Structures are given as C-alpha cells and as structure tokens.
Amino acid sequence: MIIIYTSKFEKEYKSLSLDVKKAVEKKEAVFRKNPFDQSLNTHKLRGRLKEYWSWSVDYEYRIIFYLKNKKEAWFLSVGNHDIYY
C-alpha cells in the first residue's frame, strides 16, 4: 500500500507524543499489509466525512484517510475524536 501524507496530517503527527507516534508507526505497518485488518477497526465514516475512512491507533487516537484505490491511501488527519468535527 502506498501512503500519501497530506500537509495537515504531517503537522498533526508532529504534535503527537513520542508514545503515540510509535503506536502510529506500528499500526501503519499493519495498515500497509492489509488496510482492513481486524486490529485496525477500519470503518467508513458518515455524514460530511462519508467519502473517507478511519482506523484506530488505540482507544483515543484515529487516522482519517481517503482510499484512492486498492494500492493507494491518503492520510488526511490524525488525532483524538475531535478530528471528526
């Protein structure tokens, strides 16, 4: 899976704690192999974000992404549940 990081995602990622960054990197490795791995809890979003997907880093943190095709995803945002608003 090819991942494109938007500038918004990169900015948000830089502000995360080192522990959360490590968790993101670990889960991203799983995502690259299978974006729908059960451990990621990948799901389609609704409402104004209905064109996007999300997966869980842990209980608090999420990544919102756009699935361009079967081989490419764009990471749009990372953070707690506030990223949905």
PDB file of N, CA and C in Angstrom:
ATOM      1  N   MET A   1       0.849  -1.176   0.000  1.00  0.00           N
ATOM      2  CA  MET A   1       0.000   0.000   0.000  1.00  0.00           C
ATOM      3  C   MET A   1       0.894   1.237   0.000  1.00  0.00           C
ATOM      4  N   ILE A   2       0.635   2.116  -0.921  1.00  0.00           N
ATOM      5  CA  ILE A   2       1.323   3.400  -0.974  1.00  0.00           C
ATOM      6  C   ILE A   2       0.518   4.387  -0.138  1.00  0.00           C
ATOM      7  N   ILE A   3       1.211   5.133   0.722  1.00  0.00           N
ATOM      8  CA  ILE A   3       0.534   6.106   1.566  1.00  0.00           C
ATOM      9  C   ILE A   3       1.064   7.497   1.238  1.00  0.00           C
ATOM     10  N   ILE A   4       0.137   8.402   0.969  1.00  0.00           N
ATOM     11  CA  ILE A   4       0.453   9.810   0.748  1.00  0.00           C
ATOM     12  C   ILE A   4       0.047  10.555   2.022  1.00  0.00           C
ATOM     13  N   TYR A   5       0.967  11.339   2.570  1.00  0.00           N
ATOM     14  CA  TYR A   5       0.689  12.105   3.783  1.00  0.00           C
ATOM     15  C   TYR A   5       0.390  13.556   3.403  1.00  0.00           C
ATOM     16  N   THR A   6      -0.795  14.037   3.749  1.00  0.00           N
ATOM     17  CA  THR A   6      -1.130  15.437   3.468  1.00  0.00           C
ATOM     18  C   THR A   6      -0.363  16.330   4.445  1.00  0.00           C
ATOM     19  N   SER A   7      -0.236  17.586   4.107  1.00  0.00           N
ATOM     20  CA  SER A   7       0.470  18.523   4.987  1.00  0.00           C
ATOM     21  C   SER A   7      -0.251  18.655   6.328  1.00  0.00           C
ATOM     22  N   LYS A   8      -1.577  18.590   6.315  1.00  0.00           N
ATOM     23  CA  LYS A   8      -2.357  18.642   7.563  1.00  0.00           C
ATOM     24  C   LYS A   8      -1.999  17.451   8.450  1.00  0.00           C
ATOM     25  N   PHE A   9      -1.945  16.260   7.855  1.00  0.00           N
ATOM     26  CA  PHE A   9      -1.584  15.066   8.609  1.00  0.00           C
ATOM     27  C   PHE A   9      -0.186  15.212   9.198  1.00  0.00           C
ATOM     28  N   GLU A  10       0.772  15.664   8.384  1.00  0.00           N
ATOM     29  CA  GLU A  10       2.152  15.802   8.853  1.00  0.00           C
ATOM     30  C   GLU A  10       2.243  16.778  10.021  1.00  0.00           C
ATOM     31  N   LYS A  11       1.512  17.873   9.954  1.00  0.00           N
ATOM     32  CA  LYS A  11       1.510  18.864  11.031  1.00  0.00           C
ATOM     33  C   LYS A  11       0.936  18.257  12.314  1.00  0.00           C
ATOM     34  N   GLU A  12      -0.183  17.563  12.192  1.00  0.00           N
ATOM     35  CA  GLU A  12      -0.809  16.936  13.360  1.00  0.00           C
ATOM     36  C   GLU A  12       0.086  15.841  13.937  1.00  0.00           C
ATOM     37  N   TYR A  13       0.719  15.066  13.066  1.00  0.00           N
ATOM     38  CA  TYR A  13       1.598  13.980  13.507  1.00  0.00           C
ATOM     39  C   TYR A  13       2.764  14.533  14.325  1.00  0.00           C
ATOM     40  N   LYS A  14       3.342  15.635  13.887  1.00  0.00           N
ATOM     41  CA  LYS A  14       4.476  16.234  14.599  1.00  0.00           C
ATOM     42  C   LYS A  14       4.119  16.639  16.022  1.00  0.00           C
ATOM     43  N   SER A  15       2.863  16.979  16.254  1.00  0.00           N
ATOM     44  CA  SER A  15       2.449  17.426  17.584  1.00  0.00           C
ATOM     45  C   SER A  15       2.117  16.277  18.544  1.00  0.00           C
ATOM     46  N   LEU A  16       2.133  15.043  18.055  1.00  0.00           N
ATOM     47  CA  LEU A  16       1.821  13.886  18.905  1.00  0.00           C
ATOM     48  C   LEU A  16       2.983  13.562  19.834  1.00  0.00           C
ATOM     49  N   SER A  17       2.671  12.924  20.940  1.00  0.00           N
ATOM     50  CA  SER A  17       3.719  12.473  21.862  1.00  0.00           C
ATOM     51  C   SER A  17       4.507  11.341  21.209  1.00  0.00           C
ATOM     52  N   LEU A  18       5.685  11.099  21.711  1.00  0.00           N
ATOM     53  CA  LEU A  18       6.540  10.040  21.173  1.00  0.00           C
ATOM     54  C   LEU A  18       5.858   8.674  21.287  1.00  0.00           C
ATOM     55  N   ASP A  19       5.170   8.421  22.387  1.00  0.00           N
ATOM     56  CA  ASP A  19       4.470   7.137  22.566  1.00  0.00           C
ATOM     57  C   ASP A  19       3.394   6.933  21.503  1.00  0.00           C
ATOM     58  N   VAL A  20       2.645   7.979  21.216  1.00  0.00           N
ATOM     59  CA  VAL A  20       1.583   7.879  20.212  1.00  0.00           C
ATOM     60  C   VAL A  20       2.198   7.702  18.824  1.00  0.00           C
ATOM     61  N   LYS A  21       3.289   8.413  18.542  1.00  0.00           N
ATOM     62  CA  LYS A  21       3.971   8.260  17.250  1.00  0.00           C
ATOM     63  C   LYS A  21       4.428   6.821  17.041  1.00  0.00           C
ATOM     64  N   LYS A  22       4.956   6.211  18.087  1.00  0.00           N
ATOM     65  CA  LYS A  22       5.395   4.807  17.990  1.00  0.00           C
ATOM     66  C   LYS A  22       4.205   3.894  17.709  1.00  0.00           C
ATOM     67  N   ALA A  23       3.085   4.169  18.369  1.00  0.00           N
ATOM     68  CA  ALA A  23       1.875   3.364  18.146  1.00  0.00           C
ATOM     69  C   ALA A  23       1.378   3.535  16.716  1.00  0.00           C
ATOM     70  N   VAL A  24       1.427   4.766  16.201  1.00  0.00           N
ATOM     71  CA  VAL A  24       1.013   5.022  14.816  1.00  0.00           C
ATOM     72  C   VAL A  24       1.892   4.229  13.857  1.00  0.00           C
ATOM     73  N   GLU A  25       3.203   4.276  14.059  1.00  0.00           N
ATOM     74  CA  GLU A  25       4.131   3.569  13.171  1.00  0.00           C
ATOM     75  C   GLU A  25       3.887   2.062  13.196  1.00  0.00           C
ATOM     76  N   LYS A  26       3.642   1.530  14.370  1.00  0.00           N
ATOM     77  CA  LYS A  26       3.383   0.090  14.499  1.00  0.00           C
ATOM     78  C   LYS A  26       2.101  -0.306  13.748  1.00  0.00           C
ATOM     79  N   LYS A  27       1.037   0.461  13.949  1.00  0.00           N
ATOM     80  CA  LYS A  27      -0.232   0.153  13.285  1.00  0.00           C
ATOM     81  C   LYS A  27      -0.174   0.454  11.789  1.00  0.00           C
ATOM     82  N   GLU A  28       0.623   1.449  11.398  1.00  0.00           N
ATOM     83  CA  GLU A  28       0.747   1.760   9.980  1.00  0.00           C
ATOM     84  C   GLU A  28       1.360   0.587   9.221  1.00  0.00           C
ATOM     85  N   ALA A  29       2.281  -0.122   9.854  1.00  0.00           N
ATOM     86  CA  ALA A  29       2.875  -1.308   9.229  1.00  0.00           C
ATOM     87  C   ALA A  29       1.796  -2.351   8.953  1.00  0.00           C
ATOM     88  N   VAL A  30       0.857  -2.498   9.870  1.00  0.00           N
ATOM     89  CA  VAL A  30      -0.274  -3.418   9.679  1.00  0.00           C
ATOM     90  C   VAL A  30      -1.143  -2.905   8.536  1.00  0.00           C
ATOM     91  N   PHE A  31      -1.421  -1.604   8.537  1.00  0.00           N
ATOM     92  CA  PHE A  31      -2.253  -0.986   7.500  1.00  0.00           C
ATOM     93  C   PHE A  31      -1.661  -1.213   6.111  1.00  0.00           C
ATOM     94  N   ARG A  32      -0.355  -1.074   5.988  1.00  0.00           N
ATOM     95  CA  ARG A  32       0.299  -1.249   4.685  1.00  0.00           C
ATOM     96  C   ARG A  32       0.086  -2.659   4.128  1.00  0.00           C
ATOM     97  N   LYS A  33       0.052  -3.644   5.013  1.00  0.00           N
ATOM     98  CA  LYS A  33      -0.163  -5.029   4.582  1.00  0.00           C
ATOM     99  C   LYS A  33      -1.631  -5.315   4.283  1.00  0.00           C
ATOM    100  N   ASN A  34      -2.505  -4.760   5.151  1.00  0.00           N
ATOM    101  CA  ASN A  34      -3.944  -5.000   4.997  1.00  0.00           C
ATOM    102  C   ASN A  34      -4.714  -3.868   5.675  1.00  0.00           C
ATOM    103  N   PRO A  35      -5.200  -2.893   4.901  1.00  0.00           N
ATOM    104  CA  PRO A  35      -5.912  -1.764   5.498  1.00  0.00           C
ATOM    105  C   PRO A  35      -7.177  -2.150   6.259  1.00  0.00           C
ATOM    106  N   PHE A  36      -7.655  -3.355   6.059  1.00  0.00           N
ATOM    107  CA  PHE A  36      -8.871  -3.792   6.727  1.00  0.00           C
ATOM    108  C   PHE A  36      -8.600  -4.884   7.759  1.00  0.00           C
ATOM    109  N   ASP A  37      -7.359  -4.948   8.232  1.00  0.00           N
ATOM    110  CA  ASP A  37      -7.009  -5.887   9.301  1.00  0.00           C
ATOM    111  C   ASP A  37      -7.912  -5.597  10.503  1.00  0.00           C
ATOM    112  N   GLN A  38      -8.384  -6.638  11.128  1.00  0.00           N
ATOM    113  CA  GLN A  38      -9.336  -6.509  12.234  1.00  0.00           C
ATOM    114  C   GLN A  38      -8.783  -5.662  13.382  1.00  0.00           C
ATOM    115  N   SER A  39      -7.476  -5.694  13.604  1.00  0.00           N
ATOM    116  CA  SER A  39      -6.890  -4.948  14.718  1.00  0.00           C
ATOM    117  C   SER A  39      -6.960  -3.436  14.521  1.00  0.00           C
ATOM    118  N   LEU A  40      -7.205  -2.979  13.288  1.00  0.00           N
ATOM    119  CA  LEU A  40      -7.270  -1.547  12.999  1.00  0.00           C
ATOM    120  C   LEU A  40      -8.667  -0.956  13.190  1.00  0.00           C
ATOM    121  N   ASN A  41      -9.667  -1.805  13.206  1.00  0.00           N
ATOM    122  CA  ASN A  41     -11.059  -1.348  13.303  1.00  0.00           C
ATOM    123  C   ASN A  41     -11.366  -0.317  12.204  1.00  0.00           C
ATOM    124  N   THR A  42     -10.951  -0.608  10.993  1.00  0.00           N
ATOM    125  CA  THR A  42     -11.184   0.287   9.857  1.00  0.00           C
ATOM    126  C   THR A  42     -12.677   0.359   9.559  1.00  0.00           C
ATOM    127  N   HIS A  43     -13.159   1.576   9.368  1.00  0.00           N
ATOM    128  CA  HIS A  43     -14.582   1.740   9.080  1.00  0.00           C
ATOM    129  C   HIS A  43     -14.825   2.980   8.234  1.00  0.00           C
ATOM    130  N   LYS A  44     -15.880   2.926   7.474  1.00  0.00           N
ATOM    131  CA  LYS A  44     -16.314   4.034   6.625  1.00  0.00           C
ATOM    132  C   LYS A  44     -16.973   5.084   7.517  1.00  0.00           C
ATOM    133  N   LEU A  45     -16.690   6.339   7.233  1.00  0.00           N
ATOM    134  CA  LEU A  45     -17.286   7.411   8.015  1.00  0.00           C
ATOM    135  C   LEU A  45     -18.625   7.824   7.410  1.00  0.00           C
ATOM    136  N   ARG A  46     -19.383   8.598   8.160  1.00  0.00           N
ATOM    137  CA  ARG A  46     -20.713   9.025   7.722  1.00  0.00           C
ATOM    138  C   ARG A  46     -20.811  10.543   7.706  1.00  0.00           C
ATOM    139  N   GLY A  47     -21.934  11.028   7.263  1.00  0.00           N
ATOM    140  CA  GLY A  47     -22.196  12.463   7.269  1.00  0.00           C
ATOM    141  C   GLY A  47     -21.283  13.204   6.303  1.00  0.00           C
ATOM    142  N   ARG A  48     -20.751  14.338   6.747  1.00  0.00           N
ATOM    143  CA  ARG A  48     -19.919  15.162   5.877  1.00  0.00           C
ATOM    144  C   ARG A  48     -18.592  14.492   5.530  1.00  0.00           C
ATOM    145  N   LEU A  49     -18.235  13.446   6.252  1.00  0.00           N
ATOM    146  CA  LEU A  49     -16.989  12.714   6.000  1.00  0.00           C
ATOM    147  C   LEU A  49     -17.240  11.381   5.288  1.00  0.00           C
ATOM    148  N   LYS A  50     -18.399  11.238   4.660  1.00  0.00           N
ATOM    149  CA  LYS A  50     -18.818   9.953   4.105  1.00  0.00           C
ATOM    150  C   LYS A  50     -17.903   9.417   3.005  1.00  0.00           C
ATOM    151  N   GLU A  51     -17.041  10.237   2.432  1.00  0.00           N
ATOM    152  CA  GLU A  51     -16.119   9.767   1.392  1.00  0.00           C
ATOM    153  C   GLU A  51     -14.814   9.221   1.976  1.00  0.00           C
ATOM    154  N   TYR A  52     -14.696   9.275   3.307  1.00  0.00           N
ATOM    155  CA  TYR A  52     -13.452   8.908   3.963  1.00  0.00           C
ATOM    156  C   TYR A  52     -13.610   7.696   4.870  1.00  0.00           C
ATOM    157  N   TRP A  53     -12.465   7.180   5.290  1.00  0.00           N
ATOM    158  CA  TRP A  53     -12.389   6.030   6.185  1.00  0.00           C
ATOM    159  C   TRP A  53     -11.580   6.426   7.409  1.00  0.00           C
ATOM    160  N   SER A  54     -11.660   5.606   8.432  1.00  0.00           N
ATOM    161  CA  SER A  54     -10.880   5.833   9.645  1.00  0.00           C
ATOM    162  C   SER A  54     -10.384   4.499  10.182  1.00  0.00           C
ATOM    163  N   TRP A  55      -9.215   4.524  10.830  1.00  0.00           N
ATOM    164  CA  TRP A  55      -8.751   3.353  11.562  1.00  0.00           C
ATOM    165  C   TRP A  55      -8.208   3.792  12.910  1.00  0.00           C
ATOM    166  N   SER A  56      -8.218   2.880  13.848  1.00  0.00           N
ATOM    167  CA  SER A  56      -7.847   3.187  15.228  1.00  0.00           C
ATOM    168  C   SER A  56      -6.384   2.893  15.494  1.00  0.00           C
ATOM    169  N   VAL A  57      -5.705   3.901  16.040  1.00  0.00           N
ATOM    170  CA  VAL A  57      -4.338   3.706  16.521  1.00  0.00           C
ATOM    171  C   VAL A  57      -4.420   3.020  17.878  1.00  0.00           C
ATOM    172  N   ASP A  58      -5.266   3.555  18.733  1.00  0.00           N
ATOM    173  CA  ASP A  58      -5.560   2.979  20.045  1.00  0.00           C
ATOM    174  C   ASP A  58      -6.957   3.442  20.432  1.00  0.00           C
ATOM    175  N   TYR A  59      -7.280   3.361  21.704  1.00  0.00           N
ATOM    176  CA  TYR A  59      -8.631   3.744  22.121  1.00  0.00           C
ATOM    177  C   TYR A  59      -8.922   5.215  21.845  1.00  0.00           C
ATOM    178  N   GLU A  60      -7.897   6.068  21.957  1.00  0.00           N
ATOM    179  CA  GLU A  60      -8.114   7.509  21.826  1.00  0.00           C
ATOM    180  C   GLU A  60      -7.823   8.074  20.438  1.00  0.00           C
ATOM    181  N   TYR A  61      -6.798   7.580  19.776  1.00  0.00           N
ATOM    182  CA  TYR A  61      -6.331   8.189  18.528  1.00  0.00           C
ATOM    183  C   TYR A  61      -6.804   7.457  17.281  1.00  0.00           C
ATOM    184  N   ARG A  62      -7.104   8.264  16.250  1.00  0.00           N
ATOM    185  CA  ARG A  62      -7.608   7.754  14.975  1.00  0.00           C
ATOM    186  C   ARG A  62      -6.847   8.384  13.820  1.00  0.00           C
ATOM    187  N   ILE A  63      -6.889   7.727  12.686  1.00  0.00           N
ATOM    188  CA  ILE A  63      -6.382   8.298  11.447  1.00  0.00           C
ATOM    189  C   ILE A  63      -7.519   8.291  10.442  1.00  0.00           C
ATOM    190  N   ILE A  64      -7.766   9.455   9.841  1.00  0.00           N
ATOM    191  CA  ILE A  64      -8.752   9.567   8.773  1.00  0.00           C
ATOM    192  C   ILE A  64      -7.985   9.502   7.460  1.00  0.00           C
ATOM    193  N   PHE A  65      -8.501   8.684   6.544  1.00  0.00           N
ATOM    194  CA  PHE A  65      -7.815   8.542   5.262  1.00  0.00           C
ATOM    195  C   PHE A  65      -8.812   8.437   4.117  1.00  0.00           C
ATOM    196  N   TYR A  66      -8.301   8.710   2.942  1.00  0.00           N
ATOM    197  CA  TYR A  66      -9.065   8.571   1.706  1.00  0.00           C
ATOM    198  C   TYR A  66      -8.459   7.402   0.943  1.00  0.00           C
ATOM    199  N   LEU A  67      -9.259   6.442   0.589  1.00  0.00           N
ATOM    200  CA  LEU A  67      -8.796   5.281  -0.148  1.00  0.00           C
ATOM    201  C   LEU A  67      -8.962   5.569  -1.635  1.00  0.00           C
ATOM    202  N   LYS A  68      -7.862   5.949  -2.280  1.00  0.00           N
ATOM    203  CA  LYS A  68      -7.914   6.320  -3.690  1.00  0.00           C
ATOM    204  C   LYS A  68      -8.184   5.104  -4.567  1.00  0.00           C
ATOM    205  N   ASN A  69      -7.509   4.007  -4.272  1.00  0.00           N
ATOM    206  CA  ASN A  69      -7.731   2.733  -4.960  1.00  0.00           C
ATOM    207  C   ASN A  69      -7.170   1.626  -4.074  1.00  0.00           C
ATOM    208  N   LYS A  70      -7.076   0.423  -4.574  1.00  0.00           N
ATOM    209  CA  LYS A  70      -6.628  -0.707  -3.752  1.00  0.00           C
ATOM    210  C   LYS A  70      -5.163  -0.622  -3.341  1.00  0.00           C
ATOM    211  N   LYS A  71      -4.409   0.264  -4.000  1.00  0.00           N
ATOM    212  CA  LYS A  71      -2.979   0.347  -3.724  1.00  0.00           C
ATOM    213  C   LYS A  71      -2.520   1.681  -3.158  1.00  0.00           C
ATOM    214  N   GLU A  72      -3.428   2.655  -3.037  1.00  0.00           N
ATOM    215  CA  GLU A  72      -3.027   3.985  -2.588  1.00  0.00           C
ATOM    216  C   GLU A  72      -4.030   4.583  -1.616  1.00  0.00           C
ATOM    217  N   ALA A  73      -3.508   5.094  -0.500  1.00  0.00           N
ATOM    218  CA  ALA A  73      -4.326   5.772   0.502  1.00  0.00           C
ATOM    219  C   ALA A  73      -3.692   7.110   0.844  1.00  0.00           C
ATOM    220  N   TRP A  74      -4.527   8.096   1.117  1.00  0.00           N
ATOM    221  CA  TRP A  74      -4.058   9.411   1.524  1.00  0.00           C
ATOM    222  C   TRP A  74      -4.421   9.601   2.993  1.00  0.00           C
ATOM    223  N   PHE A  75      -3.418   9.784   3.841  1.00  0.00           N
ATOM    224  CA  PHE A  75      -3.672  10.046   5.251  1.00  0.00           C
ATOM    225  C   PHE A  75      -3.968  11.534   5.397  1.00  0.00           C
ATOM    226  N   LEU A  76      -5.160  11.847   5.881  1.00  0.00           N
ATOM    227  CA  LEU A  76      -5.643  13.216   5.944  1.00  0.00           C
ATOM    228  C   LEU A  76      -5.494  13.856   7.316  1.00  0.00           C
ATOM    229  N   SER A  77      -5.723  13.082   8.369  1.00  0.00           N
ATOM    230  CA  SER A  77      -5.727  13.657   9.706  1.00  0.00           C
ATOM    231  C   SER A  77      -5.434  12.583  10.743  1.00  0.00           C
ATOM    232  N   VAL A  78      -4.794  12.991  11.838  1.00  0.00           N
ATOM    233  CA  VAL A  78      -4.526  12.081  12.953  1.00  0.00           C
ATOM    234  C   VAL A  78      -4.793  12.833  14.247  1.00  0.00           C
ATOM    235  N   GLY A  79      -5.449  12.171  15.185  1.00  0.00           N
ATOM    236  CA  GLY A  79      -5.733  12.793  16.468  1.00  0.00           C
ATOM    237  C   GLY A  79      -6.824  12.041  17.211  1.00  0.00           C
ATOM    238  N   ASN A  80      -7.323  12.692  18.252  1.00  0.00           N
ATOM    239  CA  ASN A  80      -8.400  12.055  19.008  1.00  0.00           C
ATOM    240  C   ASN A  80      -9.731  12.268  18.274  1.00  0.00           C
ATOM    241  N   HIS A  81     -10.818  11.991  18.938  1.00  0.00           N
ATOM    242  CA  HIS A  81     -12.123  12.071  18.263  1.00  0.00           C
ATOM    243  C   HIS A  81     -12.470  13.464  17.759  1.00  0.00           C
ATOM    244  N   ASP A  82     -11.783  14.481  18.231  1.00  0.00           N
ATOM    245  CA  ASP A  82     -12.036  15.856  17.757  1.00  0.00           C
ATOM    246  C   ASP A  82     -11.750  16.020  16.270  1.00  0.00           C
ATOM    247  N   ILE A  83     -10.968  15.134  15.673  1.00  0.00           N
ATOM    248  CA  ILE A  83     -10.648  15.265  14.247  1.00  0.00           C
ATOM    249  C   ILE A  83     -11.883  15.046  13.366  1.00  0.00           C
ATOM    250  N   TYR A  84     -12.926  14.482  13.943  1.00  0.00           N
ATOM    251  CA  TYR A  84     -14.149  14.251  13.180  1.00  0.00           C
ATOM    252  C   TYR A  84     -14.998  15.522  13.035  1.00  0.00           C
ATOM    253  N   TYR A  85     -14.658  16.549  13.794  1.00  0.00           N
ATOM    254  CA  TYR A  85     -15.502  17.764  13.818  1.00  0.00           C
ATOM    255  C   TYR A  85     -14.840  18.939  13.172  1.00  0.00           C
TER     256      TYR A  85
END
